[in-house]
Amino acid sequence: MLTRRVIVCLDVKGARVVKGVQFVGLRDVGDPVALATRYEAEGADEITFLDISASAEERATLLDVARRTAEQLFIPLTIGGGVRTADDVARALRAGADKVSLNSAAVTRPEVLTEAADRFGAQCVVASIDAKRGEGGAWKVWVKGGREETPLEAVAWAQECVARGAGEILLTSIDRDGARTGYDLDLTRAVADAVNVPVIASGGAGEARHLVDAVTEGHADAVLVAGILHDGLTTVAALKDVMRAAGLPVRALPELVA
C-alpha cells in the first residue's frame, strides 16, 4: 500500500502566512520560511505555498519566498496562485518548486494544463479545484479565491483536468474550509473514484481522526492541513501517530529514519 502523505499548506500574502475561514477573515500566522522548515522537521511529507492574492507583485514575492524556502527544504514544494501560463510554471520550477498548482487559469484556458504537462511532465502539474455544494446537491467549481462560481461540475472537471495532463488533484471544499468539522468525504470520494491520479483532500481538518477518515472513507491519497497546525492545536508528528495507529502507512519522522 502506498504511503499516505500529510501535506502542510501555507497561504501566503505579502510574504506572510495567513489563514481564514471559507477564504475570508484572513489573519497573520507567521513567516513562511520558518513555518515550512518547522513542519518539515515535524514530519510533513510536502509543503504547499499558495499565493492567495495572485497579483503580479505578490507572485514575484512568493517566488522569492519559495526560493529561500527551497534552499532549506528536503521535501517536495508545490507553488500555486497566479500561475497562468506554462512560462509561469517554468518560473516557479526555477524558483525551487517541485510541482505547480493551477486553478483559475485552468478553468479559463484548460489548454494550459496540457502545455505545462508536455513541457515539464504530468508529475509537475497539480490541478487545484475549489468546490462548493450548490442547489440540487451538485458540487460546483469556484475560482478567483472562492469568489466566483463557474458552471463546471467538480467531478467532471477533475476528469477533464486529468485528461488534459494534470498528474494530481488538490481538492478543496469551500464549505468546510477553516470550519474544522472534517473533510467533505462525499466530495473527496466522488472525485477520487472518478480519476486515476492522486487526490489531495483539503478543507476542514480539525483533528487527527479527520485525516484518517479522508483516506479510509474519502479514498484520498493525501491530506492537506493548515489551521490546526498554525494555531498549535497539534503537530504533524501527532497527526501521523494517529494515522499509523489506524493502520495507515505513513513516512517515519526524520529522526526515526535509519
Protein backbone atom coordinates (compact mmCIF):
# COMPACT_ATOMS: atom_id res chain seq x y z
CA MET A 1 0.00 0.00 0.00
CA LEU A 2 1.27 3.46 -0.87
CA THR A 3 2.37 5.78 1.91
CA ARG A 4 -0.28 8.36 2.72
CA ARG A 5 1.10 11.89 2.64
CA VAL A 6 0.48 14.70 5.10
CA ILE A 7 0.88 17.99 3.25
CA VAL A 8 1.04 21.32 5.06
CA CYS A 9 -0.48 24.29 3.26
CA LEU A 10 0.87 27.80 3.73
CA ASP A 11 -1.40 30.52 2.30
CA VAL A 12 0.96 33.39 1.56
CA LYS A 13 0.04 37.06 1.27
CA GLY A 14 2.57 39.88 1.42
CA ALA A 15 5.39 37.44 2.30
CA ARG A 16 3.46 36.27 5.38
CA VAL A 17 1.39 33.16 6.05
CA VAL A 18 -2.30 33.88 6.65
CA LYS A 19 -5.36 31.77 7.47
CA GLY A 20 -9.09 32.40 7.26
CA VAL A 21 -12.45 30.65 7.15
CA GLN A 22 -14.07 29.91 3.78
CA PHE A 23 -11.31 32.00 2.18
CA VAL A 24 -12.14 35.21 4.14
CA GLY A 25 -11.29 36.77 7.51
CA LEU A 26 -7.55 36.37 7.00
CA ARG A 27 -5.15 36.66 9.94
CA ASP A 28 -1.36 36.58 10.11
CA VAL A 29 0.12 33.34 11.42
CA GLY A 30 3.84 33.64 10.71
CA ASP A 31 6.87 33.63 8.45
CA PRO A 32 6.61 31.12 5.58
CA VAL A 33 10.25 30.03 5.57
CA ALA A 34 10.30 29.43 9.32
CA LEU A 35 6.98 27.58 9.26
CA ALA A 36 7.96 25.39 6.30
CA THR A 37 11.21 24.28 7.90
CA ARG A 38 9.46 23.64 11.23
CA TYR A 39 6.79 21.49 9.64
CA GLU A 40 9.40 19.52 7.71
CA ALA A 41 11.19 18.80 10.99
CA GLU A 42 7.87 17.59 12.45
CA GLY A 43 7.49 15.10 9.62
CA ALA A 44 5.49 16.85 6.89
CA ASP A 45 5.78 15.00 3.59
CA GLU A 46 5.30 18.07 1.40
CA ILE A 47 4.76 21.82 1.67
CA THR A 48 2.33 23.75 -0.50
CA PHE A 49 2.62 27.52 -0.92
CA LEU A 50 -0.48 29.27 -2.25
CA ASP A 51 -0.34 32.94 -3.22
CA ILE A 52 -3.87 33.91 -2.30
CA SER A 53 -3.73 37.43 -3.70
CA ALA A 54 -2.15 36.45 -7.02
CA SER A 55 -1.26 39.90 -8.34
CA ALA A 56 1.96 40.09 -10.34
CA GLU A 57 3.72 41.80 -7.41
CA GLU A 58 2.58 39.17 -4.92
CA ARG A 59 3.60 36.37 -7.26
CA ALA A 60 7.11 37.79 -7.51
CA THR A 61 7.24 37.98 -3.72
CA LEU A 62 6.03 34.38 -3.43
CA LEU A 63 8.70 33.14 -5.83
CA ASP A 64 11.36 34.87 -3.75
CA VAL A 65 9.98 33.28 -0.59
CA ALA A 66 9.79 29.92 -2.34
CA ARG A 67 13.38 30.23 -3.50
CA ARG A 68 14.57 30.89 0.05
CA THR A 69 12.42 28.06 1.38
CA ALA A 70 13.53 25.53 -1.24
CA GLU A 71 17.12 26.12 -0.19
CA GLN A 72 16.19 24.83 3.28
CA LEU A 73 13.78 22.01 2.43
CA PHE A 74 14.45 18.39 1.56
CA ILE A 75 10.77 17.56 0.93
CA PRO A 76 8.73 18.47 -2.17
CA LEU A 77 7.41 22.01 -2.52
CA THR A 78 4.32 22.96 -4.52
CA ILE A 79 3.61 26.55 -5.59
CA GLY A 80 0.22 27.86 -6.66
CA GLY A 81 -1.68 31.09 -7.12
CA GLY A 82 -1.49 33.45 -10.05
CA VAL A 83 0.04 30.81 -12.33
CA ARG A 84 -1.50 31.41 -15.74
CA THR A 85 0.86 30.07 -18.39
CA ALA A 86 3.45 27.36 -18.97
CA ASP A 87 6.08 30.10 -18.68
CA ASP A 88 4.73 30.89 -15.19
CA VAL A 89 5.11 27.21 -14.37
CA ALA A 90 8.71 27.38 -15.59
CA ARG A 91 9.43 30.35 -13.33
CA ALA A 92 8.00 28.52 -10.32
CA LEU A 93 10.06 25.42 -11.05
CA ARG A 94 13.20 27.51 -11.46
CA ALA A 95 12.45 29.10 -8.07
CA GLY A 96 12.67 25.65 -6.49
CA ALA A 97 9.17 24.23 -6.76
CA ASP A 98 8.80 20.51 -7.47
CA LYS A 99 5.16 20.91 -8.54
CA VAL A 100 2.96 23.79 -9.61
CA SER A 101 -0.73 24.18 -8.89
CA LEU A 102 -3.15 25.74 -11.39
CA ASN A 103 -6.71 26.73 -10.56
CA SER A 104 -8.47 29.72 -12.12
CA ALA A 105 -6.17 29.78 -15.14
CA ALA A 106 -7.03 26.18 -15.98
CA VAL A 107 -10.74 26.97 -15.89
CA THR A 108 -10.24 29.99 -18.14
CA ARG A 109 -7.96 28.14 -20.55
CA PRO A 110 -7.74 24.37 -19.96
CA GLU A 111 -5.04 24.00 -22.60
CA VAL A 112 -2.51 25.37 -20.11
CA LEU A 113 -2.59 22.02 -18.29
CA THR A 114 -1.55 20.18 -21.43
CA GLU A 115 1.09 22.75 -22.32
CA ALA A 116 2.64 22.52 -18.85
CA ALA A 117 2.47 18.72 -18.78
CA ASP A 118 4.05 18.45 -22.22
CA ARG A 119 6.94 20.73 -21.22
CA PHE A 120 7.61 19.58 -17.68
CA GLY A 121 5.80 16.26 -17.17
CA ALA A 122 2.44 15.50 -15.61
CA GLN A 123 4.12 14.86 -12.26
CA CYS A 124 4.77 18.62 -12.02
CA VAL A 125 1.19 19.69 -12.77
CA VAL A 126 -1.40 19.88 -9.99
CA ALA A 127 -4.97 20.84 -10.84
CA SER A 128 -6.34 22.75 -7.86
CA ILE A 129 -10.14 22.61 -7.61
CA ASP A 130 -12.17 24.70 -5.16
CA ALA A 131 -15.64 23.19 -4.92
CA LYS A 132 -18.83 24.18 -3.15
CA ARG A 133 -22.11 22.30 -2.96
CA GLY A 134 -24.77 24.11 -4.97
CA GLU A 135 -28.51 23.81 -5.42
CA GLY A 136 -29.55 20.25 -6.13
CA GLY A 137 -26.52 18.87 -4.31
CA ALA A 138 -24.00 19.08 -7.14
CA TRP A 139 -20.54 20.44 -6.37
CA LYS A 140 -19.74 23.50 -8.45
CA VAL A 141 -16.24 24.75 -9.21
CA TRP A 142 -15.39 28.23 -7.91
CA VAL A 143 -12.46 30.40 -8.98
CA LYS A 144 -10.68 33.62 -8.01
CA GLY A 145 -10.10 32.55 -4.44
CA GLY A 146 -13.60 31.19 -3.98
CA ARG A 147 -15.28 34.43 -5.04
CA GLU A 148 -16.73 33.43 -8.41
CA GLU A 149 -18.91 30.43 -9.25
CA THR A 150 -18.49 28.67 -12.59
CA PRO A 151 -20.89 26.36 -14.47
CA LEU A 152 -18.42 23.48 -14.07
CA GLU A 153 -19.32 20.42 -12.00
CA ALA A 154 -16.38 19.39 -9.81
CA VAL A 155 -16.19 15.66 -10.60
CA ALA A 156 -16.46 16.15 -14.36
CA TRP A 157 -13.96 18.99 -14.22
CA ALA A 158 -11.48 16.83 -12.30
CA GLN A 159 -11.76 14.18 -15.01
CA GLU A 160 -11.12 16.77 -17.71
CA CYS A 161 -8.10 18.12 -15.84
CA VAL A 162 -6.58 14.65 -15.73
CA ALA A 163 -7.37 14.04 -19.40
CA ARG A 164 -5.56 17.28 -20.22
CA GLY A 165 -2.42 16.30 -18.33
CA ALA A 166 -2.78 17.01 -14.61
CA GLY A 167 -0.87 14.45 -12.55
CA GLU A 168 -2.59 15.25 -9.26
CA ILE A 169 -5.78 16.88 -7.97
CA LEU A 170 -5.80 19.25 -4.99
CA LEU A 171 -9.45 19.25 -3.98
CA THR A 172 -10.66 21.89 -1.54
CA SER A 173 -14.15 22.03 -0.06
CA ILE A 174 -15.05 25.70 0.34
CA ASP A 175 -17.93 24.68 2.60
CA ARG A 176 -15.50 23.03 5.04
CA ASP A 177 -12.53 25.39 4.71
CA GLY A 178 -11.44 26.53 8.17
CA ALA A 179 -14.52 25.01 9.83
CA ARG A 180 -12.54 22.13 11.38
CA THR A 181 -15.55 19.80 11.15
CA GLY A 182 -13.82 17.28 8.88
CA TYR A 183 -13.20 16.99 5.17
CA ASP A 184 -16.14 16.70 2.77
CA LEU A 185 -15.90 12.93 2.42
CA ASP A 186 -18.64 12.66 -0.21
CA LEU A 187 -16.91 15.19 -2.44
CA THR A 188 -13.47 13.69 -1.92
CA ARG A 189 -14.66 10.14 -2.59
CA ALA A 190 -16.62 11.17 -5.69
CA VAL A 191 -13.55 12.76 -7.26
CA ALA A 192 -11.06 10.13 -6.07
CA ASP A 193 -13.18 7.33 -7.51
CA ALA A 194 -13.55 9.18 -10.83
CA VAL A 195 -9.87 9.81 -11.64
CA ASN A 196 -6.73 7.69 -11.85
CA VAL A 197 -4.30 10.18 -10.31
CA PRO A 198 -3.69 11.04 -6.63
CA VAL A 199 -6.30 13.23 -4.94
CA ILE A 200 -5.37 15.50 -2.02
CA ALA A 201 -8.22 16.20 0.40
CA SER A 202 -8.32 19.81 1.58
CA GLY A 203 -10.60 21.94 3.72
CA GLY A 204 -11.96 21.01 7.13
CA ALA A 205 -9.26 19.24 9.13
CA GLY A 206 -9.96 19.72 12.84
CA GLU A 207 -8.39 16.65 14.43
CA ALA A 208 -6.31 13.61 13.52
CA ARG A 209 -9.33 11.37 13.02
CA HIS A 210 -10.44 13.59 10.15
CA LEU A 211 -7.24 12.72 8.26
CA VAL A 212 -7.88 9.02 8.78
CA ASP A 213 -11.45 9.41 7.54
CA ALA A 214 -10.29 11.28 4.42
CA VAL A 215 -8.16 8.30 3.43
CA THR A 216 -10.36 5.41 4.54
CA GLU A 217 -13.79 6.83 3.71
CA GLY A 218 -12.92 9.61 1.27
CA HIS A 219 -10.40 7.48 -0.68
CA ALA A 220 -7.90 10.36 -0.66
CA ASP A 221 -4.26 9.63 -1.40
CA ALA A 222 -3.06 12.56 0.69
CA VAL A 223 -4.41 15.11 3.16
CA LEU A 224 -3.74 18.84 3.35
CA VAL A 225 -3.60 20.52 6.77
CA ALA A 226 -3.16 24.15 7.78
CA GLY A 227 -5.02 25.94 10.60
CA ILE A 228 -4.80 23.33 13.35
CA LEU A 229 -1.03 23.30 12.92
CA HIS A 230 -0.64 27.07 12.67
CA ASP A 231 -2.65 27.52 15.87
CA GLY A 232 -0.58 24.97 17.76
CA LEU A 233 -3.50 22.61 18.38
CA THR A 234 -1.47 19.61 17.22
CA THR A 235 1.70 18.67 15.34
CA VAL A 236 2.42 16.76 12.17
CA ALA A 237 4.02 14.04 14.30
CA ALA A 238 0.88 13.68 16.44
CA LEU A 239 -1.33 13.50 13.35
CA LYS A 240 0.85 10.78 11.86
CA ASP A 241 0.82 8.82 15.12
CA VAL A 242 -2.97 8.55 14.89
CA MET A 243 -2.86 7.66 11.20
CA ARG A 244 -0.27 4.96 11.92
CA ALA A 245 -2.35 3.60 14.79
CA ALA A 246 -5.30 3.36 12.39
CA GLY A 247 -3.25 1.12 10.13
CA LEU A 248 -2.37 3.71 7.50
CA PRO A 249 1.18 3.64 6.12
CA VAL A 250 2.91 6.98 6.72
CA ARG A 251 6.51 8.07 6.31
CA ALA A 252 8.55 7.93 9.50
CA LEU A 253 9.72 11.13 11.13
CA PRO A 254 13.17 12.30 10.02
CA GLU A 255 14.80 11.41 13.33
CA LEU A 256 13.39 7.88 13.15
CA VAL A 257 14.77 7.12 9.71
CA ALA A 258 17.67 4.64 9.90
